[in-house]
Amino acid sequence: MAEIPVNPPTSALLQVAYNSLARRIFRFVAAAGFSDLRPSHGNVLEHLSYIDGQRLNELASRAGMTPQSMGELVDDLERRDYVERRADPADRRARRVYLTKKGRTTRAAAAQAVTDMEGRLEALLGHATYVRLRATLTEVIDAYARDEQP
């Protein structure tokens, strides 16, 4: 169980909750036959699950990582045949990262884990609180996204 300090900031609570959920999802995916993955690989695979074919800088920005760190993760996943780099159709000098067949299979296992986790959260919180939590988090995300607009 995660150690939570007394009266932690909301950002810490969100981080601890996210990390706990992400660990459970990772364990499910590893148990589904992808035991060669590390939790840090989720920084790539999670974002490619939403938008396949991103540039390295885009992936790094979405994950809150440096391009160098993201590049190391992509290199590792490429060696393990989860992703591949291909030329960007809009700019042949640039490269985009795509899921391979193995990566898409992993995405399906992760999607099942997420579905299971959502069901568990709803059962834990009750339907009304679950819906309210999702609405509140969406409101926070939208508000801060507006603040980041130029």
N, C-alpha and C. Protein backbone atom coordinates (compact mmCIF):
# COMPACT_ATOMS: atom_id res chain seq x y z
N MET A 1 0.84 -1.18 0.00
CA MET A 1 0.00 0.00 0.00
C MET A 1 0.89 1.24 0.00
N ALA A 2 0.46 2.25 -0.75
CA ALA A 2 1.24 3.47 -0.86
C ALA A 2 1.20 4.26 0.44
N GLU A 3 2.33 4.83 0.77
CA GLU A 3 2.45 5.68 1.95
C GLU A 3 1.96 7.08 1.57
N ILE A 4 0.93 7.56 2.25
CA ILE A 4 0.37 8.88 1.95
C ILE A 4 0.66 9.78 3.14
N PRO A 5 1.33 10.93 2.91
CA PRO A 5 1.63 11.85 4.01
C PRO A 5 0.34 12.47 4.55
N VAL A 6 0.43 13.04 5.74
CA VAL A 6 -0.70 13.71 6.35
C VAL A 6 -1.02 14.97 5.54
N ASN A 7 -2.29 15.16 5.22
CA ASN A 7 -2.76 16.32 4.48
C ASN A 7 -1.94 16.60 3.21
N PRO A 8 -1.85 15.61 2.32
CA PRO A 8 -1.05 15.79 1.10
C PRO A 8 -1.75 16.73 0.12
N PRO A 9 -0.98 17.34 -0.77
CA PRO A 9 -1.61 18.15 -1.80
C PRO A 9 -2.41 17.25 -2.76
N THR A 10 -3.38 17.83 -3.39
CA THR A 10 -4.23 17.08 -4.33
C THR A 10 -3.40 16.42 -5.41
N SER A 11 -2.37 17.10 -5.89
CA SER A 11 -1.53 16.53 -6.94
C SER A 11 -0.88 15.23 -6.47
N ALA A 12 -0.48 15.16 -5.20
CA ALA A 12 0.11 13.94 -4.66
C ALA A 12 -0.93 12.82 -4.59
N LEU A 13 -2.14 13.15 -4.17
CA LEU A 13 -3.20 12.15 -4.12
C LEU A 13 -3.50 11.60 -5.52
N LEU A 14 -3.57 12.49 -6.49
CA LEU A 14 -3.82 12.05 -7.87
C LEU A 14 -2.69 11.16 -8.37
N GLN A 15 -1.46 11.52 -8.04
CA GLN A 15 -0.31 10.73 -8.48
C GLN A 15 -0.31 9.35 -7.84
N VAL A 16 -0.56 9.28 -6.54
CA VAL A 16 -0.59 7.99 -5.85
C VAL A 16 -1.71 7.11 -6.41
N ALA A 17 -2.88 7.72 -6.64
CA ALA A 17 -4.01 6.96 -7.21
C ALA A 17 -3.66 6.46 -8.61
N TYR A 18 -3.10 7.34 -9.44
CA TYR A 18 -2.72 6.94 -10.80
C TYR A 18 -1.69 5.81 -10.77
N ASN A 19 -0.67 5.96 -9.95
CA ASN A 19 0.37 4.93 -9.87
C ASN A 19 -0.20 3.59 -9.43
N SER A 20 -1.12 3.61 -8.49
CA SER A 20 -1.74 2.37 -8.02
C SER A 20 -2.53 1.70 -9.14
N LEU A 21 -3.33 2.49 -9.86
CA LEU A 21 -4.11 1.94 -10.97
C LEU A 21 -3.19 1.45 -12.09
N ALA A 22 -2.16 2.22 -12.41
CA ALA A 22 -1.23 1.84 -13.48
C ALA A 22 -0.50 0.54 -13.14
N ARG A 23 -0.12 0.36 -11.88
CA ARG A 23 0.55 -0.89 -11.48
C ARG A 23 -0.36 -2.09 -11.69
N ARG A 24 -1.63 -1.95 -11.34
CA ARG A 24 -2.59 -3.04 -11.52
C ARG A 24 -2.78 -3.37 -12.99
N ILE A 25 -2.88 -2.34 -13.81
CA ILE A 25 -3.03 -2.55 -15.25
C ILE A 25 -1.78 -3.23 -15.80
N PHE A 26 -0.60 -2.76 -15.37
CA PHE A 26 0.65 -3.37 -15.83
C PHE A 26 0.72 -4.84 -15.45
N ARG A 27 0.36 -5.18 -14.23
CA ARG A 27 0.39 -6.58 -13.81
C ARG A 27 -0.53 -7.45 -14.66
N PHE A 28 -1.70 -6.93 -14.99
CA PHE A 28 -2.64 -7.66 -15.84
C PHE A 28 -2.03 -7.89 -17.22
N VAL A 29 -1.43 -6.86 -17.80
CA VAL A 29 -0.83 -6.97 -19.13
C VAL A 29 0.34 -7.96 -19.11
N ALA A 30 1.18 -7.88 -18.09
CA ALA A 30 2.30 -8.81 -17.98
C ALA A 30 1.79 -10.25 -17.87
N ALA A 31 0.74 -10.45 -17.08
CA ALA A 31 0.17 -11.79 -16.91
C ALA A 31 -0.49 -12.31 -18.19
N ALA A 32 -0.86 -11.41 -19.09
CA ALA A 32 -1.49 -11.79 -20.35
C ALA A 32 -0.47 -12.24 -21.39
N GLY A 33 0.80 -12.34 -20.98
CA GLY A 33 1.82 -12.86 -21.88
C GLY A 33 2.86 -11.84 -22.32
N PHE A 34 2.86 -10.68 -21.70
CA PHE A 34 3.80 -9.63 -22.08
C PHE A 34 4.73 -9.33 -20.92
N SER A 35 5.36 -10.36 -20.39
CA SER A 35 6.19 -10.22 -19.20
C SER A 35 7.53 -9.55 -19.48
N ASP A 36 7.85 -9.33 -20.76
CA ASP A 36 9.09 -8.63 -21.08
C ASP A 36 8.94 -7.11 -21.00
N LEU A 37 7.74 -6.62 -20.73
CA LEU A 37 7.53 -5.18 -20.59
C LEU A 37 7.90 -4.72 -19.18
N ARG A 38 8.30 -3.45 -19.11
CA ARG A 38 8.55 -2.80 -17.83
C ARG A 38 7.48 -1.73 -17.63
N PRO A 39 7.18 -1.36 -16.39
CA PRO A 39 6.18 -0.31 -16.19
C PRO A 39 6.47 0.97 -16.96
N SER A 40 7.73 1.33 -17.08
CA SER A 40 8.08 2.57 -17.80
C SER A 40 7.69 2.52 -19.27
N HIS A 41 7.55 1.33 -19.85
CA HIS A 41 7.12 1.22 -21.24
C HIS A 41 5.72 1.78 -21.44
N GLY A 42 4.95 1.83 -20.36
CA GLY A 42 3.60 2.40 -20.44
C GLY A 42 3.61 3.84 -20.90
N ASN A 43 4.71 4.56 -20.66
CA ASN A 43 4.82 5.95 -21.11
C ASN A 43 4.75 6.06 -22.62
N VAL A 44 5.13 5.02 -23.32
CA VAL A 44 5.04 4.99 -24.78
C VAL A 44 3.74 4.34 -25.21
N LEU A 45 3.50 3.12 -24.73
CA LEU A 45 2.37 2.33 -25.21
C LEU A 45 1.03 2.98 -24.90
N GLU A 46 0.91 3.59 -23.74
CA GLU A 46 -0.36 4.24 -23.39
C GLU A 46 -0.69 5.34 -24.38
N HIS A 47 0.27 6.16 -24.72
CA HIS A 47 0.01 7.29 -25.61
C HIS A 47 -0.19 6.85 -27.05
N LEU A 48 0.48 5.78 -27.48
CA LEU A 48 0.26 5.26 -28.83
C LEU A 48 -1.09 4.56 -28.93
N SER A 49 -1.62 4.12 -27.81
CA SER A 49 -2.94 3.49 -27.82
C SER A 49 -4.02 4.49 -28.19
N TYR A 50 -3.80 5.75 -27.85
CA TYR A 50 -4.78 6.79 -28.16
C TYR A 50 -4.56 7.36 -29.56
N ILE A 51 -3.32 7.62 -29.89
CA ILE A 51 -2.97 8.20 -31.19
C ILE A 51 -1.74 7.46 -31.70
N ASP A 52 -1.93 6.51 -32.59
CA ASP A 52 -0.81 5.76 -33.15
C ASP A 52 -0.09 6.63 -34.18
N GLY A 53 1.21 6.48 -34.28
CA GLY A 53 1.97 7.21 -35.27
C GLY A 53 2.34 8.62 -34.84
N GLN A 54 2.95 8.75 -33.67
CA GLN A 54 3.36 10.05 -33.17
C GLN A 54 4.86 10.24 -33.32
N ARG A 55 5.26 11.49 -33.43
CA ARG A 55 6.69 11.80 -33.41
C ARG A 55 7.20 11.65 -31.98
N LEU A 56 8.49 11.38 -31.87
CA LEU A 56 9.11 11.18 -30.57
C LEU A 56 8.88 12.37 -29.65
N ASN A 57 9.03 13.58 -30.17
CA ASN A 57 8.83 14.78 -29.35
C ASN A 57 7.40 14.88 -28.84
N GLU A 58 6.41 14.46 -29.66
CA GLU A 58 5.01 14.46 -29.23
C GLU A 58 4.81 13.49 -28.08
N LEU A 59 5.36 12.28 -28.25
CA LEU A 59 5.25 11.28 -27.18
C LEU A 59 5.88 11.78 -25.89
N ALA A 60 7.06 12.36 -26.01
CA ALA A 60 7.76 12.86 -24.82
C ALA A 60 6.94 13.95 -24.13
N SER A 61 6.39 14.86 -24.91
CA SER A 61 5.59 15.95 -24.34
C SER A 61 4.36 15.41 -23.63
N ARG A 62 3.65 14.48 -24.25
CA ARG A 62 2.44 13.91 -23.65
C ARG A 62 2.76 13.16 -22.36
N ALA A 63 3.92 12.52 -22.31
CA ALA A 63 4.30 11.73 -21.13
C ALA A 63 5.01 12.57 -20.08
N GLY A 64 5.34 13.82 -20.40
CA GLY A 64 6.05 14.67 -19.46
C GLY A 64 7.49 14.22 -19.27
N MET A 65 8.11 13.78 -20.35
CA MET A 65 9.48 13.25 -20.31
C MET A 65 10.36 14.05 -21.27
N THR A 66 11.67 13.88 -21.13
CA THR A 66 12.57 14.47 -22.10
C THR A 66 12.56 13.61 -23.36
N PRO A 67 12.82 14.21 -24.51
CA PRO A 67 12.91 13.41 -25.74
C PRO A 67 13.98 12.31 -25.64
N GLN A 68 15.07 12.58 -24.93
CA GLN A 68 16.13 11.58 -24.79
C GLN A 68 15.62 10.36 -24.03
N SER A 69 14.92 10.57 -22.92
CA SER A 69 14.37 9.45 -22.15
C SER A 69 13.32 8.70 -22.95
N MET A 70 12.49 9.43 -23.66
CA MET A 70 11.48 8.77 -24.49
C MET A 70 12.16 7.97 -25.59
N GLY A 71 13.22 8.52 -26.16
CA GLY A 71 13.95 7.80 -27.21
C GLY A 71 14.49 6.47 -26.72
N GLU A 72 14.99 6.45 -25.49
CA GLU A 72 15.50 5.19 -24.92
C GLU A 72 14.39 4.16 -24.77
N LEU A 73 13.22 4.61 -24.32
CA LEU A 73 12.09 3.69 -24.18
C LEU A 73 11.63 3.17 -25.55
N VAL A 74 11.56 4.06 -26.52
CA VAL A 74 11.15 3.65 -27.87
C VAL A 74 12.17 2.67 -28.45
N ASP A 75 13.46 2.96 -28.27
CA ASP A 75 14.51 2.03 -28.74
C ASP A 75 14.31 0.64 -28.14
N ASP A 76 14.06 0.60 -26.83
CA ASP A 76 13.88 -0.67 -26.14
C ASP A 76 12.64 -1.40 -26.66
N LEU A 77 11.55 -0.68 -26.83
CA LEU A 77 10.32 -1.30 -27.33
C LEU A 77 10.47 -1.74 -28.78
N GLU A 78 11.27 -1.02 -29.54
CA GLU A 78 11.52 -1.41 -30.93
C GLU A 78 12.31 -2.72 -30.97
N ARG A 79 13.31 -2.86 -30.10
CA ARG A 79 14.07 -4.12 -30.02
C ARG A 79 13.18 -5.29 -29.62
N ARG A 80 12.16 -5.02 -28.82
CA ARG A 80 11.25 -6.07 -28.36
C ARG A 80 10.07 -6.27 -29.31
N ASP A 81 10.02 -5.53 -30.41
CA ASP A 81 9.01 -5.64 -31.47
C ASP A 81 7.62 -5.17 -31.05
N TYR A 82 7.55 -4.18 -30.18
CA TYR A 82 6.26 -3.59 -29.82
C TYR A 82 5.95 -2.35 -30.66
N VAL A 83 6.99 -1.65 -31.09
CA VAL A 83 6.82 -0.44 -31.90
C VAL A 83 7.80 -0.47 -33.06
N GLU A 84 7.51 0.38 -34.03
CA GLU A 84 8.44 0.57 -35.15
C GLU A 84 8.42 2.04 -35.54
N ARG A 85 9.54 2.48 -36.08
CA ARG A 85 9.63 3.85 -36.58
C ARG A 85 9.47 3.79 -38.10
N ARG A 86 8.66 4.73 -38.60
CA ARG A 86 8.47 4.84 -40.05
C ARG A 86 8.54 6.30 -40.43
N ALA A 87 8.81 6.54 -41.69
CA ALA A 87 8.89 7.91 -42.19
C ALA A 87 7.54 8.60 -42.00
N ASP A 88 7.61 9.88 -41.66
CA ASP A 88 6.42 10.70 -41.53
C ASP A 88 5.94 11.04 -42.94
N PRO A 89 4.70 10.70 -43.29
CA PRO A 89 4.21 10.99 -44.64
C PRO A 89 4.22 12.48 -44.99
N ALA A 90 4.13 13.34 -43.98
CA ALA A 90 4.12 14.78 -44.21
C ALA A 90 5.52 15.36 -44.32
N ASP A 91 6.52 14.65 -43.81
CA ASP A 91 7.90 15.14 -43.80
C ASP A 91 8.82 13.92 -43.78
N ARG A 92 9.32 13.52 -44.91
CA ARG A 92 10.11 12.29 -45.03
C ARG A 92 11.39 12.30 -44.18
N ARG A 93 11.82 13.48 -43.75
CA ARG A 93 13.01 13.54 -42.89
C ARG A 93 12.68 13.13 -41.46
N ALA A 94 11.43 13.31 -41.09
CA ALA A 94 10.99 12.99 -39.72
C ALA A 94 10.52 11.54 -39.64
N ARG A 95 10.48 11.01 -38.42
CA ARG A 95 10.02 9.64 -38.19
C ARG A 95 8.86 9.67 -37.21
N ARG A 96 7.98 8.72 -37.36
CA ARG A 96 6.86 8.55 -36.44
C ARG A 96 6.95 7.16 -35.83
N VAL A 97 6.41 7.03 -34.63
CA VAL A 97 6.44 5.75 -33.90
C VAL A 97 5.05 5.13 -33.99
N TYR A 98 5.02 3.87 -34.42
CA TYR A 98 3.77 3.13 -34.58
C TYR A 98 3.83 1.83 -33.80
N LEU A 99 2.66 1.37 -33.37
CA LEU A 99 2.57 0.05 -32.76
C LEU A 99 2.72 -1.02 -33.83
N THR A 100 3.42 -2.09 -33.51
CA THR A 100 3.48 -3.25 -34.39
C THR A 100 2.29 -4.15 -34.07
N LYS A 101 2.21 -5.28 -34.74
CA LYS A 101 1.14 -6.23 -34.44
C LYS A 101 1.20 -6.65 -32.97
N LYS A 102 2.40 -6.91 -32.48
CA LYS A 102 2.58 -7.28 -31.06
C LYS A 102 2.14 -6.13 -30.15
N GLY A 103 2.47 -4.91 -30.54
CA GLY A 103 2.07 -3.74 -29.76
C GLY A 103 0.56 -3.56 -29.73
N ARG A 104 -0.11 -3.81 -30.86
CA ARG A 104 -1.57 -3.71 -30.89
C ARG A 104 -2.21 -4.80 -30.04
N THR A 105 -1.59 -5.98 -30.00
CA THR A 105 -2.10 -7.05 -29.14
C THR A 105 -1.96 -6.66 -27.67
N THR A 106 -0.87 -6.01 -27.34
CA THR A 106 -0.67 -5.50 -25.98
C THR A 106 -1.73 -4.46 -25.65
N ARG A 107 -2.03 -3.61 -26.62
CA ARG A 107 -3.06 -2.58 -26.43
C ARG A 107 -4.40 -3.22 -26.09
N ALA A 108 -4.72 -4.34 -26.75
CA ALA A 108 -5.98 -5.03 -26.47
C ALA A 108 -5.99 -5.57 -25.04
N ALA A 109 -4.87 -6.13 -24.59
CA ALA A 109 -4.78 -6.63 -23.21
C ALA A 109 -4.91 -5.48 -22.22
N ALA A 110 -4.27 -4.35 -22.52
CA ALA A 110 -4.36 -3.18 -21.64
C ALA A 110 -5.78 -2.63 -21.61
N ALA A 111 -6.45 -2.63 -22.77
CA ALA A 111 -7.83 -2.14 -22.82
C ALA A 111 -8.74 -3.00 -21.94
N GLN A 112 -8.52 -4.30 -21.95
CA GLN A 112 -9.31 -5.18 -21.09
C GLN A 112 -9.02 -4.89 -19.62
N ALA A 113 -7.75 -4.66 -19.31
CA ALA A 113 -7.37 -4.34 -17.92
C ALA A 113 -8.01 -3.03 -17.48
N VAL A 114 -8.04 -2.05 -18.36
CA VAL A 114 -8.65 -0.76 -18.04
C VAL A 114 -10.15 -0.92 -17.82
N THR A 115 -10.79 -1.70 -18.68
CA THR A 115 -12.23 -1.95 -18.52
C THR A 115 -12.52 -2.61 -17.17
N ASP A 116 -11.71 -3.60 -16.82
CA ASP A 116 -11.86 -4.25 -15.51
C ASP A 116 -11.65 -3.26 -14.37
N MET A 117 -10.62 -2.41 -14.51
CA MET A 117 -10.30 -1.44 -13.47
C MET A 117 -11.44 -0.43 -13.32
N GLU A 118 -12.01 0.01 -14.42
CA GLU A 118 -13.14 0.95 -14.35
C GLU A 118 -14.31 0.31 -13.60
N GLY A 119 -14.57 -0.95 -13.89
CA GLY A 119 -15.65 -1.66 -13.18
C GLY A 119 -15.38 -1.76 -11.68
N ARG A 120 -14.12 -2.03 -11.34
CA ARG A 120 -13.75 -2.11 -9.92
C ARG A 120 -13.89 -0.76 -9.22
N LEU A 121 -13.47 0.31 -9.93
CA LEU A 121 -13.60 1.65 -9.34
C LEU A 121 -15.07 2.00 -9.11
N GLU A 122 -15.90 1.70 -10.08
CA GLU A 122 -17.32 2.00 -9.93
C GLU A 122 -17.93 1.20 -8.78
N ALA A 123 -17.53 -0.07 -8.67
CA ALA A 123 -18.04 -0.90 -7.56
C ALA A 123 -17.55 -0.36 -6.22
N LEU A 124 -16.31 0.08 -6.15
CA LEU A 124 -15.74 0.61 -4.92
C LEU A 124 -16.43 1.90 -4.49
N LEU A 125 -16.62 2.81 -5.44
CA LEU A 125 -17.12 4.14 -5.14
C LEU A 125 -18.64 4.25 -5.17
N GLY A 126 -19.28 3.36 -5.87
CA GLY A 126 -20.71 3.49 -6.15
C GLY A 126 -20.88 4.31 -7.42
N HIS A 127 -21.96 4.06 -8.13
CA HIS A 127 -22.15 4.67 -9.44
C HIS A 127 -22.13 6.20 -9.40
N ALA A 128 -22.87 6.80 -8.48
CA ALA A 128 -22.98 8.27 -8.45
C ALA A 128 -21.62 8.93 -8.18
N THR A 129 -20.87 8.39 -7.23
CA THR A 129 -19.56 8.96 -6.90
C THR A 129 -18.58 8.75 -8.05
N TYR A 130 -18.65 7.58 -8.67
CA TYR A 130 -17.79 7.28 -9.83
C TYR A 130 -18.05 8.29 -10.95
N VAL A 131 -19.29 8.52 -11.27
CA VAL A 131 -19.65 9.47 -12.33
C VAL A 131 -19.20 10.88 -11.95
N ARG A 132 -19.40 11.25 -10.69
CA ARG A 132 -18.99 12.58 -10.21
C ARG A 132 -17.46 12.74 -10.26
N LEU A 133 -16.73 11.68 -9.88
CA LEU A 133 -15.26 11.73 -9.94
C LEU A 133 -14.79 11.96 -11.37
N ARG A 134 -15.34 11.22 -12.30
CA ARG A 134 -14.95 11.38 -13.71
C ARG A 134 -15.27 12.78 -14.21
N ALA A 135 -16.43 13.30 -13.85
CA ALA A 135 -16.82 14.65 -14.28
C ALA A 135 -15.89 15.70 -13.67
N THR A 136 -15.55 15.53 -12.41
CA THR A 136 -14.66 16.48 -11.73
C THR A 136 -13.26 16.45 -12.34
N LEU A 137 -12.73 15.26 -12.58
CA LEU A 137 -11.40 15.16 -13.19
C LEU A 137 -11.39 15.77 -14.59
N THR A 138 -12.44 15.54 -15.35
CA THR A 138 -12.54 16.11 -16.69
C THR A 138 -12.59 17.64 -16.61
N GLU A 139 -13.31 18.15 -15.64
CA GLU A 139 -13.39 19.60 -15.44
C GLU A 139 -12.01 20.18 -15.12
N VAL A 140 -11.27 19.53 -14.26
CA VAL A 140 -9.92 19.98 -13.91
C VAL A 140 -9.02 19.95 -15.15
N ILE A 141 -9.06 18.85 -15.88
CA ILE A 141 -8.23 18.72 -17.09
C ILE A 141 -8.56 19.82 -18.08
N ASP A 142 -9.85 20.03 -18.33
CA ASP A 142 -10.27 21.06 -19.28
C ASP A 142 -9.84 22.45 -18.83
N ALA A 143 -9.98 22.74 -17.55
CA ALA A 143 -9.61 24.07 -17.04
C ALA A 143 -8.11 24.33 -17.22
N TYR A 144 -7.29 23.35 -16.89
CA TYR A 144 -5.86 23.55 -17.03
C TYR A 144 -5.41 23.51 -18.48
N ALA A 145 -6.13 22.77 -19.33
CA ALA A 145 -5.81 22.79 -20.76
C ALA A 145 -6.08 24.17 -21.34
N ARG A 146 -7.16 24.79 -20.90
CA ARG A 146 -7.45 26.16 -21.35
C ARG A 146 -6.36 27.14 -20.90
N ASP A 147 -5.85 26.94 -19.67
CA ASP A 147 -4.79 27.80 -19.15
C ASP A 147 -3.52 27.67 -19.96
N GLU A 148 -3.29 26.51 -20.57
CA GLU A 148 -2.05 26.27 -21.31
C GLU A 148 -2.14 26.73 -22.75
N GLN A 149 -3.33 27.15 -23.19
CA GLN A 149 -3.49 27.62 -24.56
C GLN A 149 -2.78 28.96 -24.73
N PRO A 150 -2.15 29.14 -25.88
CA PRO A 150 -1.45 30.43 -26.11
C PRO A 150 -2.41 31.58 -26.25
